[in-house]
Amino acid sequence: MIQAVFERFLTPFTDALVRELDRRVAEGQTLTVEGLLESLYRVGMGSLAEQGRDPQRFMRLLGLAYTQYQGHLRRFIVSRYGDSYRRFAGLLAQALPGLDPVTFYWRLYFMLGATIFTLSSYDAIEAILREDFGAQSSLPETLERLVPAAAAMLKVNAE
């Protein structure tokens, strides 16, 4: 059942991400870390919005899939969406020349962890922002702030 839940989100998301990457490559765009992350977040949130789904709910499920080590779920995701993941990760790695594969692996998972935590806990984090700073931040504004922070996790000492 959980595989069906993931498939309902991940299939349209990965299809849209592949189309976005194809378009950017066909147009000869330079694929920067920031540009790739912006595309990832925009396409991911767009896919959820089109389906009328709550990003927090899905990100909580995704976080559980990795933190609880659901081996069967990871195998399903890799077998079904591994090509798309490898393509995106490969483009990120190309945008980070000179970064060794093990360091890239860990930084990619640090970045994904920060992304999943931020999106799965968005309401709570935004409530703390309102309470402590008297400020608000919409999800799109938060994602704009997340792009440079996530990029910095990948890029530190890589340039």
Protein backbone atom coordinates (compact mmCIF):
# COMPACT_ATOMS: atom_id res chain seq x y z
CA MET A 1 0.00 0.00 0.00
CA ILE A 2 2.76 2.44 0.89
CA GLN A 3 4.39 1.75 -2.49
CA ALA A 4 1.16 2.85 -4.17
CA VAL A 5 1.20 6.10 -2.17
CA PHE A 6 4.78 6.78 -3.25
CA GLU A 7 4.02 5.86 -6.83
CA ARG A 8 1.09 8.32 -7.00
CA PHE A 9 3.46 11.16 -6.10
CA LEU A 10 6.78 10.03 -7.52
CA THR A 11 5.65 9.06 -11.03
CA PRO A 12 4.27 12.50 -11.99
CA PHE A 13 7.12 14.20 -10.12
CA THR A 14 9.92 12.24 -11.80
CA ASP A 15 8.23 12.54 -15.21
CA ALA A 16 8.00 16.32 -14.77
CA LEU A 17 11.58 16.55 -13.50
CA VAL A 18 12.90 14.55 -16.46
CA ARG A 19 11.00 16.86 -18.85
CA GLU A 20 12.45 19.90 -17.06
CA LEU A 21 16.00 18.53 -17.24
CA ASP A 22 15.54 17.58 -20.92
CA ARG A 23 14.31 21.10 -21.68
CA ARG A 24 17.20 22.76 -19.88
CA VAL A 25 19.77 20.52 -21.57
CA ALA A 26 18.15 20.98 -25.03
CA GLU A 27 18.26 24.76 -24.56
CA GLY A 28 21.96 24.51 -23.75
CA GLN A 29 21.53 25.98 -20.29
CA THR A 30 24.43 25.81 -17.88
CA LEU A 31 23.22 23.55 -15.12
CA THR A 32 24.33 25.04 -11.81
CA VAL A 33 23.76 23.51 -8.40
CA GLU A 34 21.33 26.32 -7.55
CA GLY A 35 19.44 25.95 -10.82
CA LEU A 36 19.12 22.19 -10.41
CA LEU A 37 17.85 22.53 -6.84
CA GLU A 38 15.41 25.26 -7.84
CA SER A 39 14.07 22.97 -10.56
CA LEU A 40 13.80 20.07 -8.10
CA TYR A 41 11.85 22.11 -5.56
CA ARG A 42 9.65 23.87 -8.11
CA VAL A 43 8.79 20.65 -9.94
CA GLY A 44 8.23 18.77 -6.66
CA MET A 45 5.90 21.38 -5.23
CA GLY A 46 4.19 21.79 -8.60
CA SER A 47 3.53 18.04 -8.79
CA LEU A 48 2.01 18.05 -5.32
CA ALA A 49 -0.11 21.12 -6.06
CA GLU A 50 -1.44 19.56 -9.28
CA GLN A 51 -2.49 16.51 -7.30
CA GLY A 52 -3.96 18.60 -4.47
CA ARG A 53 -1.57 16.94 -2.03
CA ASP A 54 0.04 18.34 1.10
CA PRO A 55 3.85 18.48 0.75
CA GLN A 56 4.32 17.99 4.49
CA ARG A 57 2.49 14.70 4.52
CA PHE A 58 4.49 13.28 1.64
CA MET A 59 7.81 14.50 3.06
CA ARG A 60 6.99 12.87 6.40
CA LEU A 61 6.40 9.58 4.57
CA LEU A 62 9.62 10.01 2.61
CA GLY A 63 11.53 10.75 5.81
CA LEU A 64 10.10 7.63 7.44
CA ALA A 65 11.06 5.56 4.43
CA TYR A 66 14.69 6.44 5.01
CA THR A 67 14.88 6.88 8.79
CA GLN A 68 13.03 3.62 9.53
CA TYR A 69 15.05 1.83 6.85
CA GLN A 70 12.18 0.31 5.02
CA GLY A 71 14.37 -1.88 2.81
CA HIS A 72 11.49 -3.01 0.60
CA LEU A 73 10.43 0.59 0.03
CA ARG A 74 13.95 1.75 -0.79
CA ARG A 75 14.32 -1.15 -3.24
CA PHE A 76 10.99 -0.21 -4.85
CA ILE A 77 11.99 3.46 -5.17
CA VAL A 78 15.40 2.58 -6.60
CA SER A 79 14.03 0.05 -9.07
CA ARG A 80 11.21 2.31 -10.24
CA TYR A 81 12.84 5.77 -10.07
CA GLY A 82 16.55 5.04 -9.92
CA ASP A 83 17.26 6.20 -13.48
CA SER A 84 15.71 9.62 -12.80
CA TYR A 85 17.52 9.91 -9.48
CA ARG A 86 20.86 8.93 -11.02
CA ARG A 87 20.37 11.44 -13.82
CA PHE A 88 19.61 14.29 -11.42
CA ALA A 89 22.44 13.29 -9.05
CA GLY A 90 24.81 12.96 -12.03
CA LEU A 91 23.97 16.48 -13.19
CA LEU A 92 24.56 17.75 -9.67
CA ALA A 93 27.89 15.95 -9.53
CA GLN A 94 28.88 17.50 -12.89
CA ALA A 95 28.09 20.91 -11.42
CA LEU A 96 30.54 20.09 -8.60
CA PRO A 97 33.73 19.11 -10.43
CA GLY A 98 36.50 17.79 -8.23
CA LEU A 99 34.24 16.59 -5.43
CA ASP A 100 35.04 12.98 -4.60
CA PRO A 101 32.11 10.51 -4.83
CA VAL A 102 31.92 9.66 -1.12
CA THR A 103 31.86 13.33 -0.08
CA PHE A 104 29.27 14.00 -2.78
CA TYR A 105 27.13 11.10 -1.48
CA TRP A 106 27.14 12.43 2.08
CA ARG A 107 26.53 16.03 1.08
CA LEU A 108 23.66 14.96 -1.15
CA TYR A 109 22.05 13.12 1.77
CA PHE A 110 22.71 16.06 4.14
CA MET A 111 20.94 18.31 1.63
CA LEU A 112 18.06 15.85 1.14
CA GLY A 113 17.72 15.48 4.92
CA ALA A 114 17.53 19.24 5.41
CA THR A 115 14.98 19.47 2.60
CA ILE A 116 12.81 16.66 3.94
CA PHE A 117 12.97 18.03 7.51
CA THR A 118 12.11 21.55 6.39
CA LEU A 119 9.19 20.49 4.21
CA SER A 120 7.81 17.84 6.58
CA SER A 121 7.94 20.24 9.55
CA TYR A 122 7.08 23.44 7.68
CA ASP A 123 3.99 24.37 9.78
CA ALA A 124 5.86 23.94 13.07
CA ILE A 125 8.96 25.79 11.85
CA GLU A 126 6.85 28.62 10.43
CA ALA A 127 4.90 28.87 13.73
CA ILE A 128 8.20 29.27 15.61
CA LEU A 129 9.22 32.00 13.12
CA ARG A 130 5.95 33.86 13.79
CA GLU A 131 6.28 33.47 17.56
CA ASP A 132 9.98 34.28 17.91
CA PHE A 133 10.37 36.89 15.17
CA GLY A 134 6.85 38.12 14.45
CA ALA A 135 7.46 37.24 10.80
CA GLN A 136 5.85 34.91 8.30
CA SER A 137 7.20 32.96 5.37
CA SER A 138 5.15 31.24 2.71
CA LEU A 139 6.22 27.86 1.39
CA PRO A 140 7.46 29.39 -1.90
CA GLU A 141 9.47 31.99 0.05
CA THR A 142 10.89 29.25 2.25
CA LEU A 143 11.94 27.24 -0.80
CA GLU A 144 13.67 30.33 -2.22
CA ARG A 145 15.65 30.52 1.03
CA LEU A 146 16.31 26.78 0.99
CA VAL A 147 17.94 26.77 -2.48
CA PRO A 148 21.12 28.70 -1.50
CA ALA A 149 21.37 26.89 1.85
CA ALA A 150 21.04 23.46 0.23
CA ALA A 151 23.48 24.48 -2.52
CA ALA A 152 25.99 25.59 0.10
CA MET A 153 25.82 22.14 1.73
CA LEU A 154 26.86 20.62 -1.57
CA LYS A 155 29.39 23.25 -2.61
CA VAL A 156 31.47 24.01 0.47
CA ASN A 157 35.13 23.72 -0.54
CA ALA A 158 34.08 22.17 -3.87
CA GLU A 159 34.78 25.20 -6.00
